[in-house]
C-alpha atoms as a PDB file:
ATOM      1  CA  UNK A   1     -24.297 115.334 168.154  1.00  0.00           C
ATOM      2  CA  UNK A   2     -20.822 116.771 168.237  1.00  0.00           C
ATOM      3  CA  UNK A   3     -18.081 115.094 170.235  1.00  0.00           C
ATOM      4  CA  UNK A   4     -15.465 117.314 171.734  1.00  0.00           C
ATOM      5  CA  UNK A   5     -12.189 115.799 172.850  1.00  0.00           C
ATOM      6  CA  UNK A   6     -10.472 117.702 175.565  1.00  0.00           C
ATOM      7  CA  UNK A   7      -6.738 117.410 176.034  1.00  0.00           C
ATOM      8  CA  UNK A   8      -6.015 117.855 179.663  1.00  0.00           C
ATOM      9  CA  UNK A   9      -2.668 119.306 180.720  1.00  0.00           C
ATOM     10  CA  UNK A  10      -1.958 116.071 182.620  1.00  0.00           C
ATOM     11  CA  UNK A  11      -2.116 114.105 179.339  1.00  0.00           C
ATOM     12  CA  UNK A  12       0.500 116.349 177.764  1.00  0.00           C
ATOM     13  CA  UNK A  13       2.724 115.926 180.800  1.00  0.00           C
ATOM     14  CA  UNK A  14       2.550 112.140 180.561  1.00  0.00           C
ATOM     15  CA  UNK A  15       3.506 112.321 176.897  1.00  0.00           C
ATOM     16  CA  UNK A  16       6.495 114.490 177.770  1.00  0.00           C
ATOM     17  CA  UNK A  17       7.455 112.153 180.600  1.00  0.00           C
ATOM     18  CA  UNK A  18       7.381 109.133 178.326  1.00  0.00           C
ATOM     19  CA  UNK A  19       9.571 110.944 175.849  1.00  0.00           C
ATOM     20  CA  UNK A  20      12.043 112.002 178.543  1.00  0.00           C
ATOM     21  CA  UNK A  21      12.076 108.489 179.986  1.00  0.00           C
ATOM     22  CA  UNK A  22      12.730 106.977 176.567  1.00  0.00           C
ATOM     23  CA  UNK A  23      15.526 109.483 175.994  1.00  0.00           C
ATOM     24  CA  UNK A  24      17.077 108.714 179.404  1.00  0.00           C
ATOM     25  CA  UNK A  25      16.942 104.977 178.643  1.00  0.00           C
ATOM     26  CA  UNK A  26      18.587 105.524 175.275  1.00  0.00           C
ATOM     27  CA  UNK A  27      21.319 107.661 176.801  1.00  0.00           C
ATOM     28  CA  UNK A  28      21.905 105.119 179.603  1.00  0.00           C
ATOM     29  CA  UNK A  29      22.215 102.364 176.990  1.00  0.00           C
ATOM     30  CA  UNK A  30      24.680 104.478 175.019  1.00  0.00           C
ATOM     31  CA  UNK A  31      26.713 105.031 178.204  1.00  0.00           C
ATOM     32  CA  UNK A  32      26.813 101.272 178.870  1.00  0.00           C
ATOM     33  CA  UNK A  33      27.953 100.582 175.309  1.00  0.00           C
ATOM     34  CA  UNK A  34      30.636 103.289 175.544  1.00  0.00           C
ATOM     35  CA  UNK A  35      31.857 101.794 178.830  1.00  0.00           C
ATOM     36  CA  UNK A  36      32.072  98.356 177.204  1.00  0.00           C
ATOM     37  CA  UNK A  37      34.070  99.826 174.319  1.00  0.00           C
ATOM     38  CA  UNK A  38      36.518 101.351 176.803  1.00  0.00           C
ATOM     39  CA  UNK A  39      36.763  98.050 178.682  1.00  0.00           C
ATOM     40  CA  UNK A  40      37.518  96.202 175.444  1.00  0.00           C
ATOM     41  CA  UNK A  41      40.233  98.715 174.605  1.00  0.00           C
ATOM     42  CA  UNK A  42      41.794  98.122 178.043  1.00  0.00           C
ATOM     43  CA  UNK A  43      41.597  94.346 177.594  1.00  0.00           C
ATOM     44  CA  UNK A  44      43.314  94.629 174.204  1.00  0.00           C
ATOM     45  CA  UNK A  45      46.107  96.696 175.762  1.00  0.00           C
ATOM     46  CA  UNK A  46      46.450  94.172 178.573  1.00  0.00           C
ATOM     47  CA  UNK A  47      46.709  91.315 176.025  1.00  0.00           C
ATOM     48  CA  UNK A  48      49.525  93.173 174.249  1.00  0.00           C
ATOM     49  CA  UNK A  49      51.352  93.655 177.559  1.00  0.00           C
ATOM     50  CA  UNK A  50      50.786  89.987 178.494  1.00  0.00           C
ATOM     51  CA  UNK A  51      52.349  88.973 175.177  1.00  0.00           C
ATOM     52  CA  UNK A  52      55.467  90.965 176.021  1.00  0.00           C
ATOM     53  CA  UNK A  53      55.637  89.175 179.400  1.00  0.00           C
ATOM     54  CA  UNK A  54      55.428  85.815 177.587  1.00  0.00           C
ATOM     55  CA  UNK A  55      58.099  86.908 175.093  1.00  0.00           C
ATOM     56  CA  UNK A  56      60.419  87.788 177.988  1.00  0.00           C
ATOM     57  CA  UNK A  57      59.988  84.328 179.484  1.00  0.00           C
ATOM     58  CA  UNK A  58      57.281  81.689 179.351  1.00  0.00           C
ATOM     59  CA  UNK A  59      56.986  78.970 181.978  1.00  0.00           C
ATOM     60  CA  UNK A  60      54.787  76.031 182.853  1.00  0.00           C
ATOM     61  CA  UNK A  61      53.569  74.608 186.195  1.00  0.00           C
ATOM     62  CA  UNK A  62      53.780  77.942 187.994  1.00  0.00           C
ATOM     63  CA  UNK A  63      52.313  81.373 187.459  1.00  0.00           C
ATOM     64  CA  UNK A  64      55.604  83.235 187.854  1.00  0.00           C
ATOM     65  CA  UNK A  65      59.325  82.775 188.091  1.00  0.00           C
ATOM     66  CA  UNK A  66      61.365  85.566 189.634  1.00  0.00           C
ATOM     67  CA  UNK A  67      64.878  86.875 189.189  1.00  0.00           C
ATOM     68  CA  UNK A  68      66.896  87.389 192.295  1.00  0.00           C
ATOM     69  CA  UNK A  69      65.740  90.279 194.358  1.00  0.00           C
ATOM     70  CA  UNK A  70      67.050  93.638 193.210  1.00  0.00           C
ATOM     71  CA  UNK A  71      67.591  96.395 195.709  1.00  0.00           C
ATOM     72  CA  UNK A  72      65.776  99.607 194.938  1.00  0.00           C
ATOM     73  CA  UNK A  73      67.377 103.020 195.644  1.00  0.00           C
ATOM     74  CA  UNK A  74      65.155 103.288 198.738  1.00  0.00           C
ATOM     75  CA  UNK A  75      66.721 100.071 200.130  1.00  0.00           C
ATOM     76  CA  UNK A  76      63.694  97.801 199.568  1.00  0.00           C
ATOM     77  CA  UNK A  77      64.197  94.500 197.765  1.00  0.00           C
ATOM     78  CA  UNK A  78      62.048  93.943 194.705  1.00  0.00           C
ATOM     79  CA  UNK A  79      61.482  90.679 192.854  1.00  0.00           C
ATOM     80  CA  UNK A  80      61.302  90.988 189.102  1.00  0.00           C
ATOM     81  CA  UNK A  81      59.262  88.596 187.022  1.00  0.00           C
ATOM     82  CA  UNK A  82      61.586  86.529 184.825  1.00  0.00           C
ATOM     83  CA  UNK A  83      58.820  84.429 183.303  1.00  0.00           C
ATOM     84  CA  UNK A  84      55.113  83.731 183.549  1.00  0.00           C
ATOM     85  CA  UNK A  85      52.523  81.288 182.323  1.00  0.00           C
ATOM     86  CA  UNK A  86      49.460  82.431 180.388  1.00  0.00           C
ATOM     87  CA  UNK A  87      47.449  83.312 183.505  1.00  0.00           C
ATOM     88  CA  UNK A  88      50.489  84.809 185.272  1.00  0.00           C
ATOM     89  CA  UNK A  89      51.234  87.014 182.253  1.00  0.00           C
ATOM     90  CA  UNK A  90      47.673  88.358 182.203  1.00  0.00           C
ATOM     91  CA  UNK A  91      47.713  88.980 185.947  1.00  0.00           C
ATOM     92  CA  UNK A  92      51.161  90.594 185.788  1.00  0.00           C
ATOM     93  CA  UNK A  93      50.110  92.812 182.853  1.00  0.00           C
ATOM     94  CA  UNK A  94      47.035  93.857 184.855  1.00  0.00           C
ATOM     95  CA  UNK A  95      49.086  95.051 187.820  1.00  0.00           C
ATOM     96  CA  UNK A  96      50.423  91.911 189.496  1.00  0.00           C
ATOM     97  CA  UNK A  97      48.956  89.554 192.101  1.00  0.00           C
ATOM     98  CA  UNK A  98      47.386  92.425 194.055  1.00  0.00           C
ATOM     99  CA  UNK A  99      45.311  93.248 190.938  1.00  0.00           C
ATOM    100  CA  UNK A 100      44.056  89.678 190.437  1.00  0.00           C
ATOM    101  CA  UNK A 101      40.498  90.470 191.576  1.00  0.00           C
ATOM    102  CA  UNK A 102      40.151  93.671 189.558  1.00  0.00           C
ATOM    103  CA  UNK A 103      37.487  93.776 186.890  1.00  0.00           C
ATOM    104  CA  UNK A 104      40.052  94.327 184.137  1.00  0.00           C
ATOM    105  CA  UNK A 105      42.074  91.220 185.002  1.00  0.00           C
ATOM    106  CA  UNK A 106      38.995  89.058 185.567  1.00  0.00           C
ATOM    107  CA  UNK A 107      37.344  90.165 182.310  1.00  0.00           C
ATOM    108  CA  UNK A 108      40.638  89.652 180.444  1.00  0.00           C
ATOM    109  CA  UNK A 109      40.823  86.096 181.766  1.00  0.00           C
ATOM    110  CA  UNK A 110      37.150  85.607 180.787  1.00  0.00           C
ATOM    111  CA  UNK A 111      37.771  86.775 177.247  1.00  0.00           C
ATOM    112  CA  UNK A 112      40.924  84.650 176.925  1.00  0.00           C
ATOM    113  CA  UNK A 113      38.954  81.580 177.999  1.00  0.00           C
ATOM    114  CA  UNK A 114      36.102  82.472 175.603  1.00  0.00           C
ATOM    115  CA  UNK A 115      38.615  82.915 172.776  1.00  0.00           C
ATOM    116  CA  UNK A 116      40.335  79.605 173.518  1.00  0.00           C
ATOM    117  CA  UNK A 117      37.082  77.657 173.602  1.00  0.00           C
ATOM    118  CA  UNK A 118      35.380  79.497 170.729  1.00  0.00           C
ATOM    119  CA  UNK A 119      32.416  81.057 172.526  1.00  0.00           C
ATOM    120  CA  UNK A 120      30.306  82.712 169.824  1.00  0.00           C
ATOM    121  CA  UNK A 121      28.379  85.967 169.874  1.00  0.00           C
ATOM    122  CA  UNK A 122      29.016  88.661 172.430  1.00  0.00           C
ATOM    123  CA  UNK A 123      31.167  86.522 174.693  1.00  0.00           C
ATOM    124  CA  UNK A 124      31.535  89.220 177.349  1.00  0.00           C
ATOM    125  CA  UNK A 125      27.862  90.101 177.640  1.00  0.00           C
ATOM    126  CA  UNK A 126      27.501  88.338 180.987  1.00  0.00           C
ATOM    127  CA  UNK A 127      29.688  87.935 184.016  1.00  0.00           C
ATOM    128  CA  UNK A 128      30.238  84.287 185.030  1.00  0.00           C
ATOM    129  CA  UNK A 129      29.611  83.135 188.576  1.00  0.00           C
ATOM    130  CA  UNK A 130      32.691  82.881 190.836  1.00  0.00           C
ATOM    131  CA  UNK A 131      32.725  79.067 190.664  1.00  0.00           C
ATOM    132  CA  UNK A 132      32.577  79.202 186.859  1.00  0.00           C
ATOM    133  CA  UNK A 133      35.406  81.759 186.757  1.00  0.00           C
ATOM    134  CA  UNK A 134      37.502  79.495 188.988  1.00  0.00           C
ATOM    135  CA  UNK A 135      36.824  76.593 186.644  1.00  0.00           C
ATOM    136  CA  UNK A 136      37.846  78.715 183.644  1.00  0.00           C
ATOM    137  CA  UNK A 137      41.038  79.725 185.434  1.00  0.00           C
ATOM    138  CA  UNK A 138      41.865  76.036 185.967  1.00  0.00           C
ATOM    139  CA  UNK A 139      41.142  75.356 182.285  1.00  0.00           C
ATOM    140  CA  UNK A 140      43.553  78.104 181.196  1.00  0.00           C
ATOM    141  CA  UNK A 141      46.223  76.861 183.603  1.00  0.00           C
ATOM    142  CA  UNK A 142      45.844  73.247 182.419  1.00  0.00           C
ATOM    143  CA  UNK A 143      45.957  74.368 178.796  1.00  0.00           C
ATOM    144  CA  UNK A 144      49.197  76.287 179.446  1.00  0.00           C
ATOM    145  CA  UNK A 145      50.751  73.350 181.327  1.00  0.00           C
ATOM    146  CA  UNK A 146      50.132  70.648 178.726  1.00  0.00           C
ATOM    147  CA  UNK A 147      53.500  69.012 177.950  1.00  0.00           C
ATOM    148  CA  UNK A 148      53.299  69.672 174.197  1.00  0.00           C
ATOM    149  CA  UNK A 149      52.293  73.340 174.637  1.00  0.00           C
ATOM    150  CA  UNK A 150      54.671  75.914 173.164  1.00  0.00           C
ATOM    151  CA  UNK A 151      55.435  79.532 173.859  1.00  0.00           C
ATOM    152  CA  UNK A 152      54.244  80.351 170.331  1.00  0.00           C
ATOM    153  CA  UNK A 153      50.803  78.850 171.029  1.00  0.00           C
ATOM    154  CA  UNK A 154      50.425  80.944 174.180  1.00  0.00           C
ATOM    155  CA  UNK A 155      51.540  84.017 172.238  1.00  0.00           C
ATOM    156  CA  UNK A 156      49.021  83.199 169.491  1.00  0.00           C
ATOM    157  CA  UNK A 157      46.183  82.810 172.010  1.00  0.00           C
ATOM    158  CA  UNK A 158      46.919  86.268 173.403  1.00  0.00           C
ATOM    159  CA  UNK A 159      46.952  87.661 169.846  1.00  0.00           C
ATOM    160  CA  UNK A 160      43.602  85.952 169.187  1.00  0.00           C
ATOM    161  CA  UNK A 161      42.227  87.462 172.408  1.00  0.00           C
ATOM    162  CA  UNK A 162      43.300  90.898 171.221  1.00  0.00           C
ATOM    163  CA  UNK A 163      41.650  90.231 167.835  1.00  0.00           C
ATOM    164  CA  UNK A 164      38.479  89.113 169.640  1.00  0.00           C
ATOM    165  CA  UNK A 165      38.293  92.516 171.333  1.00  0.00           C
ATOM    166  CA  UNK A 166      38.184  94.046 167.850  1.00  0.00           C
ATOM    167  CA  UNK A 167      35.340  91.741 166.793  1.00  0.00           C
ATOM    168  CA  UNK A 168      33.389  92.584 169.944  1.00  0.00           C
ATOM    169  CA  UNK A 169      33.990  96.316 169.446  1.00  0.00           C
ATOM    170  CA  UNK A 170      32.459  96.000 165.965  1.00  0.00           C
ATOM    171  CA  UNK A 171      29.414  94.224 167.431  1.00  0.00           C
ATOM    172  CA  UNK A 172      28.970  96.992 169.985  1.00  0.00           C
ATOM    173  CA  UNK A 173      29.474  99.753 167.408  1.00  0.00           C
ATOM    174  CA  UNK A 174      26.660  98.181 165.365  1.00  0.00           C
ATOM    175  CA  UNK A 175      24.346  98.471 168.409  1.00  0.00           C
ATOM    176  CA  UNK A 176      25.027 102.150 168.938  1.00  0.00           C
ATOM    177  CA  UNK A 177      22.356 104.561 167.752  1.00  0.00           C
ATOM    178  CA  UNK A 178      23.404 108.115 166.941  1.00  0.00           C
ATOM    179  CA  UNK A 179      21.899 110.506 169.446  1.00  0.00           C
ATOM    180  CA  UNK A 180      20.872 113.742 167.861  1.00  0.00           C
END
């Protein structure tokens, strides 16, 4: 007795669908990894800018100190930041108080906290809950406001945060699969 196996057109279609679905999933994963790489680059740039804010003037027990209002050519008064604490410098570098809730500022604060407290692995893989983020913000503020804290230590933490973005970029690059 001879057995004949028939390949129905529907079976071929399912095979093609599985292949297309797998390819779409791979491409979506690659897009997510590329977006994370771009985010890390932006966080590194923000850390550099925050360091320059700290170098211009570091303070404790307040997020910002302002110079006297300067009058712009259009007649509006503008306050210029004379100094900032760690959190204030990050927020200012990210666009100022109006940018506090942006993803870039929030993720920069997350990574700074993770760097300070030595969170291992891919420390930005998950987004903390709002209450946890608030707690982390308090931790960073308390750390900055400790009486023995120095401007150099704040500067060094921002440098370490920038270095952490490099470590995370290497982790992500290792996860990327060439698409061909």
